[in-house]
């Protein structure tokens, strides 16, 4: 009868050990999942930033007349009313993958208007090297708010 009482204590202790081990492995898995989600958001930010850069470039290059203009705001990329039939350069103002909001930091052009965008989040990045050529200038940037997606017109001679 004494052995039966002692074995109950060992079972309880064994169960506690299993719970501790499972908690540790779940915490490790959560860290890995969180890091992968961060990398996914960074890829999405690069993709969306490129879309904004291309749309701003299209707006600028398709300006009627000799004097080129940047869009006055992001909404102008959705509906360019400078033409009899409005043109669209973006389908929507995309949400920032880090903030979830559709508002962006604006890089103003020297002559006025929107030259580029950046995330209003200032989260540390994992990606700091091995960017595509179009994003090579992002090398060494340590926070998402430093990733600016700017259209720079080519000088024509």
Protein backbone atom coordinates (compact mmCIF):
# COMPACT_ATOMS: atom_id res chain seq x y z
CA UNK A 1 0.00 0.00 0.00
CA UNK A 2 2.90 2.35 0.69
CA UNK A 3 4.29 1.89 -2.83
CA UNK A 4 0.96 2.91 -4.36
CA UNK A 5 1.02 6.28 -2.53
CA UNK A 6 4.61 7.00 -3.60
CA UNK A 7 3.96 6.24 -7.28
CA UNK A 8 1.25 8.94 -7.38
CA UNK A 9 3.88 11.55 -6.48
CA UNK A 10 6.18 10.37 -9.27
CA UNK A 11 3.36 10.52 -11.81
CA UNK A 12 2.57 14.07 -10.77
CA UNK A 13 6.24 15.04 -11.01
CA UNK A 14 6.52 13.37 -14.44
CA UNK A 15 3.45 15.24 -15.67
CA UNK A 16 4.92 18.55 -14.50
CA UNK A 17 8.16 17.76 -16.34
CA UNK A 18 6.25 17.02 -19.56
CA UNK A 19 4.33 20.30 -19.25
CA UNK A 20 7.59 22.25 -18.73
CA UNK A 21 9.20 20.61 -21.77
CA UNK A 22 6.15 21.26 -23.97
CA UNK A 23 6.01 24.90 -22.83
CA UNK A 24 9.67 25.37 -23.74
CA UNK A 25 9.24 23.83 -27.19
CA UNK A 26 6.11 25.92 -27.88
CA UNK A 27 7.95 29.09 -26.84
CA UNK A 28 10.76 28.21 -29.26
CA UNK A 29 8.28 27.54 -32.05
CA UNK A 30 6.56 30.87 -31.34
CA UNK A 31 9.88 32.69 -31.69
CA UNK A 32 10.53 31.00 -35.04
CA UNK A 33 7.01 31.79 -36.29
CA UNK A 34 7.39 35.41 -35.19
CA UNK A 35 10.70 35.77 -37.03
CA UNK A 36 9.24 34.23 -40.18
CA UNK A 37 6.26 36.62 -40.02
CA UNK A 38 8.72 39.53 -39.73
CA UNK A 39 10.58 38.34 -42.84
CA UNK A 40 7.28 37.97 -44.69
CA UNK A 41 6.30 41.54 -43.80
CA UNK A 42 9.68 42.80 -45.01
CA UNK A 43 9.20 41.04 -48.38
CA UNK A 44 5.72 42.52 -48.63
CA UNK A 45 7.01 46.02 -47.80
CA UNK A 46 9.63 45.73 -50.56
CA UNK A 47 6.96 44.62 -53.04
CA UNK A 48 4.46 47.35 -52.12
CA UNK A 49 7.19 49.99 -52.01
CA UNK A 50 8.23 49.04 -55.53
CA UNK A 51 4.62 49.36 -56.71
CA UNK A 52 4.44 52.88 -55.27
CA UNK A 53 7.77 53.82 -56.86
CA UNK A 54 6.62 52.57 -60.30
CA UNK A 55 3.24 54.34 -60.00
CA UNK A 56 4.88 57.63 -59.04
CA UNK A 57 7.25 57.26 -62.00
CA UNK A 58 4.36 56.61 -64.38
CA UNK A 59 2.48 59.66 -63.11
CA UNK A 60 5.60 61.81 -63.47
CA UNK A 61 6.58 60.56 -66.95
CA UNK A 62 3.05 60.78 -68.34
CA UNK A 63 2.59 64.39 -67.32
CA UNK A 64 1.09 66.26 -70.26
CA UNK A 65 3.32 69.05 -71.51
CA UNK A 66 7.02 69.71 -71.10
CA UNK A 67 7.16 70.36 -67.35
CA UNK A 68 6.94 67.10 -65.42
CA UNK A 69 5.06 66.95 -62.12
CA UNK A 70 4.97 64.54 -59.22
CA UNK A 71 1.53 63.54 -57.88
CA UNK A 72 0.21 66.05 -55.33
CA UNK A 73 -0.83 63.17 -53.02
CA UNK A 74 -1.17 59.38 -53.09
CA UNK A 75 -4.83 59.58 -54.09
CA UNK A 76 -3.74 61.09 -57.44
CA UNK A 77 -2.21 57.68 -58.24
CA UNK A 78 -5.68 56.14 -58.00
CA UNK A 79 -7.29 58.60 -60.38
CA UNK A 80 -5.20 60.98 -62.51
CA UNK A 81 -7.72 63.66 -63.52
CA UNK A 82 -5.28 65.52 -65.79
CA UNK A 83 -6.73 63.67 -68.77
CA UNK A 84 -10.24 63.64 -70.29
CA UNK A 85 -10.46 59.96 -69.35
CA UNK A 86 -8.78 59.55 -65.92
CA UNK A 87 -5.81 57.19 -65.71
CA UNK A 88 -5.07 54.84 -62.85
CA UNK A 89 -1.57 53.92 -61.70
CA UNK A 90 -2.59 51.97 -58.58
CA UNK A 91 -5.75 50.01 -57.82
CA UNK A 92 -5.69 51.03 -54.17
CA UNK A 93 -3.53 52.68 -51.54
CA UNK A 94 -1.94 49.59 -50.08
CA UNK A 95 -1.76 49.01 -46.34
CA UNK A 96 1.63 49.12 -44.68
CA UNK A 97 2.43 45.50 -43.72
CA UNK A 98 3.88 46.63 -40.38
CA UNK A 99 1.24 49.11 -39.21
CA UNK A 100 -1.78 47.70 -41.06
CA UNK A 101 -2.79 51.28 -41.90
CA UNK A 102 -3.11 52.87 -45.32
CA UNK A 103 -1.14 55.92 -44.37
CA UNK A 104 2.51 56.27 -45.33
CA UNK A 105 5.34 58.64 -44.68
CA UNK A 106 5.73 60.95 -47.67
CA UNK A 107 9.01 61.94 -49.31
CA UNK A 108 8.32 65.34 -50.85
CA UNK A 109 9.83 66.33 -54.18
CA UNK A 110 11.85 69.58 -54.27
CA UNK A 111 9.29 71.05 -56.69
CA UNK A 112 6.37 69.79 -54.59
CA UNK A 113 4.34 66.61 -54.69
CA UNK A 114 5.01 63.04 -53.66
CA UNK A 115 8.37 61.65 -54.76
CA UNK A 116 8.27 58.55 -52.58
CA UNK A 117 6.90 56.74 -49.55
CA UNK A 118 8.21 55.00 -46.44
CA UNK A 119 6.73 52.98 -43.61
CA UNK A 120 5.67 54.83 -40.48
CA UNK A 121 6.79 51.81 -38.47
CA UNK A 122 10.29 51.91 -37.07
CA UNK A 123 10.80 48.22 -36.42
CA UNK A 124 14.25 46.62 -36.65
CA UNK A 125 14.76 44.68 -39.87
CA UNK A 126 16.26 41.25 -40.41
CA UNK A 127 17.13 41.93 -44.04
CA UNK A 128 20.12 44.22 -44.44
CA UNK A 129 21.91 42.78 -47.48
CA UNK A 130 21.23 40.84 -50.69
CA UNK A 131 18.66 43.26 -52.07
CA UNK A 132 17.65 43.35 -55.72
CA UNK A 133 19.51 45.90 -57.80
CA UNK A 134 16.55 48.32 -57.71
CA UNK A 135 16.68 48.26 -53.88
CA UNK A 136 20.46 48.12 -53.44
CA UNK A 137 20.42 51.51 -51.67
CA UNK A 138 18.64 49.82 -48.72
CA UNK A 139 21.79 47.87 -47.81
CA UNK A 140 22.71 48.46 -44.19
CA UNK A 141 19.40 50.13 -43.22
CA UNK A 142 18.41 48.75 -39.83
CA UNK A 143 14.79 49.92 -39.44
CA UNK A 144 11.71 49.73 -41.64
CA UNK A 145 11.20 53.50 -41.49
CA UNK A 146 14.56 53.91 -43.25
CA UNK A 147 13.37 51.93 -46.26
CA UNK A 148 12.31 54.77 -48.57
CA UNK A 149 10.81 53.98 -51.97
CA UNK A 150 11.56 57.04 -54.07
CA UNK A 151 11.20 57.67 -57.79
CA UNK A 152 14.20 59.59 -59.11
CA UNK A 153 13.73 60.79 -62.70
CA UNK A 154 16.48 59.95 -65.15
CA UNK A 155 18.32 62.95 -66.52
CA UNK A 156 17.81 63.31 -70.22
CA UNK A 157 20.41 64.94 -72.37
